[in-house]
Amino acid sequence: MQELIRRVVVWAQARQLERGQGVIEYALIVGLVSIVLAGVLATAGTGWINAVTAEVTDALS
C-alpha cells in the first residue's frame, strides 16, 4: 500500500512540473512575439501606423 501511495505522490509531483513547464513555454512565446512586434513597428515607423489609422478613420466616417 505504501508503494502505491509513493507512486501516486511521484506522479502528482511530475504533473505539477509539467504545468509549470507549460506556463514557462507560454511566457517565452509571448515574449518572443512582443520582441518581433516591437521590431516590426520600429522598422515600419510611425508613418505606416498613421496611414492605417487614417484609412480606418475614413472608412468609419
Protein backbone atom coordinates (compact mmCIF):
# COMPACT_ATOMS: atom_id res chain seq x y z
CA MET A 1 0.00 0.00 0.00
CA GLN A 2 2.83 2.40 0.82
CA GLU A 3 4.35 1.74 -2.59
CA LEU A 4 1.07 2.74 -4.25
CA ILE A 5 0.90 5.94 -2.22
CA ARG A 6 4.52 6.74 -3.08
CA ARG A 7 3.82 6.23 -6.79
CA VAL A 8 0.76 8.47 -6.66
CA VAL A 9 2.77 11.20 -4.93
CA VAL A 10 5.59 10.94 -7.50
CA TRP A 11 3.04 11.05 -10.33
CA ALA A 12 1.34 14.13 -8.84
CA GLN A 13 4.66 15.92 -8.46
CA ALA A 14 5.56 15.17 -12.08
CA ARG A 15 2.22 16.63 -13.20
CA GLN A 16 2.95 19.83 -11.29
CA LEU A 17 6.31 20.16 -13.04
CA GLU A 18 4.64 19.72 -16.43
CA ARG A 19 2.16 22.51 -15.67
CA GLY A 20 4.97 24.83 -14.65
CA GLN A 21 6.85 23.99 -17.80
CA GLY A 22 3.79 24.83 -19.90
CA VAL A 23 3.43 28.23 -18.25
CA ILE A 24 7.08 28.99 -18.91
CA GLU A 25 6.71 27.98 -22.56
CA TYR A 26 3.71 30.29 -22.99
CA ALA A 27 5.60 33.14 -21.34
CA LEU A 28 8.55 32.62 -23.69
CA ILE A 29 6.26 32.61 -26.73
CA VAL A 30 4.54 35.82 -25.58
CA GLY A 31 7.93 37.44 -25.01
CA LEU A 32 9.19 36.41 -28.44
CA VAL A 33 6.05 37.71 -30.16
CA SER A 34 6.41 41.00 -28.29
CA ILE A 35 10.02 41.39 -29.41
CA VAL A 36 9.11 40.61 -33.03
CA LEU A 37 6.21 43.09 -32.99
CA ALA A 38 8.43 45.79 -31.48
CA GLY A 39 10.99 45.17 -34.22
CA VAL A 40 8.36 45.32 -36.96
CA LEU A 41 6.88 48.53 -35.60
CA ALA A 42 10.32 50.10 -35.21
CA THR A 43 11.24 49.14 -38.78
CA ALA A 44 7.93 50.20 -40.32
CA GLY A 45 7.96 53.51 -38.49
CA THR A 46 5.08 55.66 -37.39
CA GLY A 47 4.17 56.68 -40.95
CA TRP A 48 2.71 53.25 -41.64
CA ILE A 49 0.72 53.29 -38.41
CA ASN A 50 -0.63 56.77 -39.16
CA ALA A 51 -1.64 55.69 -42.69
CA VAL A 52 -3.54 52.65 -41.41
CA THR A 53 -5.22 54.73 -38.70
CA ALA A 54 -6.27 57.36 -41.29
CA GLU A 55 -7.72 54.66 -43.58
CA VAL A 56 -9.73 53.14 -40.74
CA THR A 57 -10.97 56.58 -39.67
CA ASP A 58 -12.01 57.44 -43.23
CA ALA A 59 -13.80 54.10 -43.61
CA LEU A 60 -15.74 54.66 -40.40
CA SER A 61 -16.72 58.24 -41.33
